[in-house]
Every structure is written in structure tokens, then in C-alpha cells.
Amino acid sequence: LEVVITVVIIVALLIFMGVSIETIFVTCAAIILGLVAVAMFLFALFFLITDITLLFRKCVQGKFLRVDDSERFDHAIYYADNQEYACIFPAESFGRKNIYHENKQYLLLISRNPKRRSAYDKHSLMIIAIGNIFSIIFVVLLILAIRFIHIGI
């Protein structure tokens, strides 16, 4: 609510100072599109970094133990190589009983560094694959938007 009131006050001040409504709308649209572009870029960057980290992992079989809900997000906990590993991505909440089964073996990608006890499970890899597809779409859309804006100017 504070944001809406602030925007209304700023728009009222701009109109009072003589700025045209068309200029205000164009500027607001440019700011919103810029924020969307930054969000799309950061989304693609996150999944690029995730892809790079996958290269430095080893594949093991791990047993699902439990879902840990002591932190901000619930995490699946697996047992592999005589250690517990927490899944990097949050545990799925929708259909959790169908996804995670205690004492069942799952394919995991764990860190090669024994001090880091994080893992990617098959659900994380599926999210990464979907994220990579959307990242490619976002990058293509950003390139097309930049070309469109460049041609328009």
C-alpha cells in the first residue's frame, strides 16, 4: 500500500510540475520492462551457474531419510557415502507422499568435496532442466526486445 501511495504522490508531483501524462506512462513502461529484463537475466544466470556446478558433482545412490523442516525451506535429506546430504532445492510440497519414500534408493549428484554435504536429486534435476528451457526462451526474448528497441530508436 505504501508503494501505491508513493507512486501516486510522485505522479501527482510530476503532473503538477508540468510533465505530460504520456511521458509519465512511457517512463513507467520503460522502468517496468527494465525490471522484467533484469529478472529474466538473473533467472538465466542462476540456471547457468547451477549447470556449471553440476559439472563438479559425482553420481551416487543414496537412501531417502526424511524431509527436514527446521530451516526456512523444507529439504529432503539423503544418506550416501556414510554421510547425510541435504538436497539443494527445497523439497516438493505438492504430492510429497508420492515423491519421497523412506528408505528408497535414489540417484543423487553429490559434491566431490567431502566438506560440502549437498545433493541434487531427480526432482532438482527436473527443475533445472525446465529452468534451462525457460532461460533459453528468456534470453531469446531479451535479444529480440533489444533488437526491436534498437530498430525503433
C-alpha atoms as a PDB file:
ATOM      1  CA  LEU A   1       0.000   0.000   0.000  1.00  0.00           C
ATOM      2  CA  GLU A   2       2.894   2.344   0.748  1.00  0.00           C
ATOM      3  CA  VAL A   3       4.287   1.752  -2.729  1.00  0.00           C
ATOM      4  CA  VAL A   4       0.978   2.666  -4.366  1.00  0.00           C
ATOM      5  CA  ILE A   5       0.694   5.845  -2.282  1.00  0.00           C
ATOM      6  CA  THR A   6       4.294   6.771  -3.124  1.00  0.00           C
ATOM      7  CA  VAL A   7       3.693   6.236  -6.859  1.00  0.00           C
ATOM      8  CA  VAL A   8       0.504   8.342  -6.725  1.00  0.00           C
ATOM      9  CA  ILE A   9       2.345  11.167  -4.942  1.00  0.00           C
ATOM     10  CA  ILE A  10       5.221  11.073  -7.442  1.00  0.00           C
ATOM     11  CA  VAL A  11       2.822  11.072 -10.419  1.00  0.00           C
ATOM     12  CA  ALA A  12       0.856  13.956  -8.895  1.00  0.00           C
ATOM     13  CA  LEU A  13       4.057  15.955  -8.357  1.00  0.00           C
ATOM     14  CA  LEU A  14       5.203  15.282 -11.931  1.00  0.00           C
ATOM     15  CA  ILE A  15       1.848  16.410 -13.327  1.00  0.00           C
ATOM     16  CA  PHE A  16       1.958  19.497 -11.078  1.00  0.00           C
ATOM     17  CA  MET A  17       5.435  20.328 -12.438  1.00  0.00           C
ATOM     18  CA  GLY A  18       4.119  20.159 -16.000  1.00  0.00           C
ATOM     19  CA  VAL A  19       5.317  16.743 -17.173  1.00  0.00           C
ATOM     20  CA  SER A  20       2.881  15.278 -19.691  1.00  0.00           C
ATOM     21  CA  ILE A  21       0.922  12.132 -18.832  1.00  0.00           C
ATOM     22  CA  GLU A  22       2.246  10.465 -21.985  1.00  0.00           C
ATOM     23  CA  THR A  23       5.835  10.962 -20.801  1.00  0.00           C
ATOM     24  CA  ILE A  24       4.951   9.554 -17.389  1.00  0.00           C
ATOM     25  CA  PHE A  25       3.351   6.441 -18.939  1.00  0.00           C
ATOM     26  CA  VAL A  26       6.272   5.860 -21.301  1.00  0.00           C
ATOM     27  CA  THR A  27       8.753   6.234 -18.446  1.00  0.00           C
ATOM     28  CA  CYS A  28       6.776   3.862 -16.204  1.00  0.00           C
ATOM     29  CA  ALA A  29       6.565   1.308 -19.016  1.00  0.00           C
ATOM     30  CA  ALA A  30      10.313   1.562 -19.612  1.00  0.00           C
ATOM     31  CA  ILE A  31      11.025   1.049 -15.902  1.00  0.00           C
ATOM     32  CA  ILE A  32       8.727  -1.979 -15.705  1.00  0.00           C
ATOM     33  CA  LEU A  33      10.217  -3.516 -18.854  1.00  0.00           C
ATOM     34  CA  GLY A  34      13.708  -2.893 -17.480  1.00  0.00           C
ATOM     35  CA  LEU A  35      12.851  -4.672 -14.235  1.00  0.00           C
ATOM     36  CA  VAL A  36      11.375  -7.592 -16.171  1.00  0.00           C
ATOM     37  CA  ALA A  37      14.550  -7.780 -18.300  1.00  0.00           C
ATOM     38  CA  VAL A  38      16.757  -7.782 -15.190  1.00  0.00           C
ATOM     39  CA  ALA A  39      14.625 -10.539 -13.623  1.00  0.00           C
ATOM     40  CA  MET A  40      14.838 -12.624 -16.826  1.00  0.00           C
ATOM     41  CA  PHE A  41      18.617 -12.131 -16.969  1.00  0.00           C
ATOM     42  CA  LEU A  42      19.070 -13.129 -13.307  1.00  0.00           C
ATOM     43  CA  PHE A  43      16.850 -16.196 -13.834  1.00  0.00           C
ATOM     44  CA  ALA A  44      19.028 -17.317 -16.755  1.00  0.00           C
ATOM     45  CA  LEU A  45      22.226 -16.559 -14.807  1.00  0.00           C
ATOM     46  CA  PHE A  46      21.039 -18.653 -11.842  1.00  0.00           C
ATOM     47  CA  PHE A  47      20.455 -21.696 -14.023  1.00  0.00           C
ATOM     48  CA  LEU A  48      23.745 -21.187 -15.884  1.00  0.00           C
ATOM     49  CA  ILE A  49      25.604 -21.209 -12.563  1.00  0.00           C
ATOM     50  CA  THR A  50      23.623 -24.278 -11.485  1.00  0.00           C
ATOM     51  CA  ASP A  51      24.622 -26.040 -14.721  1.00  0.00           C
ATOM     52  CA  ILE A  52      28.279 -25.261 -14.061  1.00  0.00           C
ATOM     53  CA  THR A  53      28.076 -26.665 -10.525  1.00  0.00           C
ATOM     54  CA  LEU A  54      26.616 -29.898 -11.904  1.00  0.00           C
ATOM     55  CA  LEU A  55      29.880 -30.499 -13.759  1.00  0.00           C
ATOM     56  CA  PHE A  56      31.749 -30.845 -10.452  1.00  0.00           C
ATOM     57  CA  ARG A  57      29.475 -33.459  -8.892  1.00  0.00           C
ATOM     58  CA  LYS A  58      29.655 -37.225  -8.753  1.00  0.00           C
ATOM     59  CA  CYS A  59      26.784 -39.635  -9.232  1.00  0.00           C
ATOM     60  CA  VAL A  60      25.909 -41.957  -6.328  1.00  0.00           C
ATOM     61  CA  GLN A  61      22.985 -43.943  -4.974  1.00  0.00           C
ATOM     62  CA  GLY A  62      21.504 -42.523  -1.803  1.00  0.00           C
ATOM     63  CA  LYS A  63      18.730 -43.538   0.552  1.00  0.00           C
ATOM     64  CA  PHE A  64      15.991 -41.025   1.353  1.00  0.00           C
ATOM     65  CA  LEU A  65      15.773 -40.453   5.115  1.00  0.00           C
ATOM     66  CA  ARG A  66      13.358 -37.608   5.799  1.00  0.00           C
ATOM     67  CA  VAL A  67      12.257 -34.099   4.952  1.00  0.00           C
ATOM     68  CA  ASP A  68      13.956 -31.580   7.230  1.00  0.00           C
ATOM     69  CA  ASP A  69      11.675 -28.663   8.059  1.00  0.00           C
ATOM     70  CA  SER A  70      13.949 -26.896  10.564  1.00  0.00           C
ATOM     71  CA  GLU A  71      15.223 -24.278   8.101  1.00  0.00           C
ATOM     72  CA  ARG A  72      13.449 -21.651   6.018  1.00  0.00           C
ATOM     73  CA  PHE A  73      12.623 -24.192   3.309  1.00  0.00           C
ATOM     74  CA  ASP A  74      11.983 -27.901   3.721  1.00  0.00           C
ATOM     75  CA  HIS A  75      14.837 -30.030   2.360  1.00  0.00           C
ATOM     76  CA  ALA A  76      14.989 -33.698   1.514  1.00  0.00           C
ATOM     77  CA  ILE A  77      17.736 -35.481   3.445  1.00  0.00           C
ATOM     78  CA  TYR A  78      19.540 -38.434   1.865  1.00  0.00           C
ATOM     79  CA  TYR A  79      22.137 -40.876   3.163  1.00  0.00           C
ATOM     80  CA  ALA A  80      25.021 -41.695   0.836  1.00  0.00           C
ATOM     81  CA  ASP A  81      28.743 -42.396   1.246  1.00  0.00           C
ATOM     82  CA  ASN A  82      28.283 -42.750   5.030  1.00  0.00           C
ATOM     83  CA  GLN A  83      27.044 -39.141   5.340  1.00  0.00           C
ATOM     84  CA  GLU A  84      23.799 -37.230   5.250  1.00  0.00           C
ATOM     85  CA  TYR A  85      23.258 -34.913   2.300  1.00  0.00           C
ATOM     86  CA  ALA A  86      20.643 -32.186   2.078  1.00  0.00           C
ATOM     87  CA  CYS A  87      19.082 -31.516  -1.290  1.00  0.00           C
ATOM     88  CA  ILE A  88      19.969 -28.040  -2.533  1.00  0.00           C
ATOM     89  CA  PHE A  89      16.484 -27.296  -3.849  1.00  0.00           C
ATOM     90  CA  PRO A  90      13.510 -27.123  -1.475  1.00  0.00           C
ATOM     91  CA  ALA A  91      11.506 -30.301  -1.022  1.00  0.00           C
ATOM     92  CA  GLU A  92       8.380 -30.583  -3.107  1.00  0.00           C
ATOM     93  CA  SER A  93       5.335 -29.817  -1.001  1.00  0.00           C
ATOM     94  CA  PHE A  94       2.684 -30.795  -3.541  1.00  0.00           C
ATOM     95  CA  GLY A  95       2.403 -34.567  -3.662  1.00  0.00           C
ATOM     96  CA  ARG A  96       5.197 -35.060  -1.139  1.00  0.00           C
ATOM     97  CA  LYS A  97       3.919 -38.507  -0.111  1.00  0.00           C
ATOM     98  CA  ASN A  98       4.065 -39.674  -3.727  1.00  0.00           C
ATOM     99  CA  ILE A  99       7.530 -38.252  -4.387  1.00  0.00           C
ATOM    100  CA  TYR A 100       9.563 -39.146  -1.290  1.00  0.00           C
ATOM    101  CA  HIS A 101       9.569 -42.667   0.114  1.00  0.00           C
ATOM    102  CA  GLU A 102      11.607 -43.515   3.204  1.00  0.00           C
ATOM    103  CA  ASN A 103      14.495 -45.953   2.767  1.00  0.00           C
ATOM    104  CA  LYS A 104      14.130 -45.945  -1.019  1.00  0.00           C
ATOM    105  CA  GLN A 105      17.262 -45.615  -3.127  1.00  0.00           C
ATOM    106  CA  TYR A 106      17.560 -42.524  -5.331  1.00  0.00           C
ATOM    107  CA  LEU A 107      20.151 -41.372  -7.823  1.00  0.00           C
ATOM    108  CA  LEU A 108      21.970 -38.315  -6.426  1.00  0.00           C
ATOM    109  CA  LEU A 109      24.612 -35.902  -7.611  1.00  0.00           C
ATOM    110  CA  ILE A 110      26.796 -35.001  -4.631  1.00  0.00           C
ATOM    111  CA  SER A 111      29.765 -32.702  -4.256  1.00  0.00           C
ATOM    112  CA  ARG A 112      33.210 -34.181  -4.789  1.00  0.00           C
ATOM    113  CA  ASN A 113      34.370 -32.102  -1.823  1.00  0.00           C
ATOM    114  CA  PRO A 114      33.596 -34.142   1.327  1.00  0.00           C
ATOM    115  CA  LYS A 115      33.117 -30.969   3.394  1.00  0.00           C
ATOM    116  CA  ARG A 116      30.116 -29.929   1.297  1.00  0.00           C
ATOM    117  CA  ARG A 117      27.182 -32.165   2.024  1.00  0.00           C
ATOM    118  CA  SER A 118      24.707 -31.031  -0.587  1.00  0.00           C
ATOM    119  CA  ALA A 119      23.000 -33.064  -3.255  1.00  0.00           C
ATOM    120  CA  TYR A 120      20.796 -32.816  -6.304  1.00  0.00           C
ATOM    121  CA  ASP A 121      18.034 -35.395  -6.570  1.00  0.00           C
ATOM    122  CA  LYS A 122      15.965 -36.303  -9.627  1.00  0.00           C
ATOM    123  CA  HIS A 123      13.364 -33.650  -8.801  1.00  0.00           C
ATOM    124  CA  SER A 124      16.065 -30.969  -8.624  1.00  0.00           C
ATOM    125  CA  LEU A 125      17.422 -32.083 -11.976  1.00  0.00           C
ATOM    126  CA  MET A 126      13.938 -31.859 -13.481  1.00  0.00           C
ATOM    127  CA  ILE A 127      13.564 -28.308 -12.143  1.00  0.00           C
ATOM    128  CA  ILE A 128      16.981 -27.428 -13.562  1.00  0.00           C
ATOM    129  CA  ALA A 129      16.016 -28.835 -16.984  1.00  0.00           C
ATOM    130  CA  ILE A 130      12.782 -26.823 -17.024  1.00  0.00           C
ATOM    131  CA  GLY A 131      14.673 -23.752 -15.814  1.00  0.00           C
ATOM    132  CA  ASN A 132      17.218 -24.165 -18.601  1.00  0.00           C
ATOM    133  CA  ILE A 133      14.455 -24.293 -21.208  1.00  0.00           C
ATOM    134  CA  PHE A 134      12.865 -21.134 -19.827  1.00  0.00           C
ATOM    135  CA  SER A 135      16.297 -19.474 -19.580  1.00  0.00           C
ATOM    136  CA  ILE A 136      16.883 -20.056 -23.290  1.00  0.00           C
ATOM    137  CA  ILE A 137      13.440 -18.662 -24.071  1.00  0.00           C
ATOM    138  CA  PHE A 138      14.105 -15.623 -21.868  1.00  0.00           C
ATOM    139  CA  VAL A 139      17.488 -14.934 -23.472  1.00  0.00           C
ATOM    140  CA  VAL A 140      15.975 -15.160 -26.960  1.00  0.00           C
ATOM    141  CA  LEU A 141      13.174 -12.791 -25.917  1.00  0.00           C
ATOM    142  CA  LEU A 142      15.690 -10.356 -24.439  1.00  0.00           C
ATOM    143  CA  ILE A 143      17.751 -10.386 -27.657  1.00  0.00           C
ATOM    144  CA  LEU A 144      14.626  -9.817 -29.748  1.00  0.00           C
ATOM    145  CA  ALA A 145      13.500  -6.995 -27.439  1.00  0.00           C
ATOM    146  CA  ILE A 146      16.907  -5.305 -27.665  1.00  0.00           C
ATOM    147  CA  ARG A 147      16.834  -5.542 -31.467  1.00  0.00           C
ATOM    148  CA  PHE A 148      13.271  -4.191 -31.553  1.00  0.00           C
ATOM    149  CA  ILE A 149      14.177  -1.258 -29.311  1.00  0.00           C
ATOM    150  CA  HIS A 150      17.351  -0.591 -31.285  1.00  0.00           C
ATOM    151  CA  ILE A 151      15.431  -0.526 -34.577  1.00  0.00           C
ATOM    152  CA  GLY A 152      12.775   1.731 -33.035  1.00  0.00           C
ATOM    153  CA  ILE A 153      15.373   4.259 -31.880  1.00  0.00           C
END
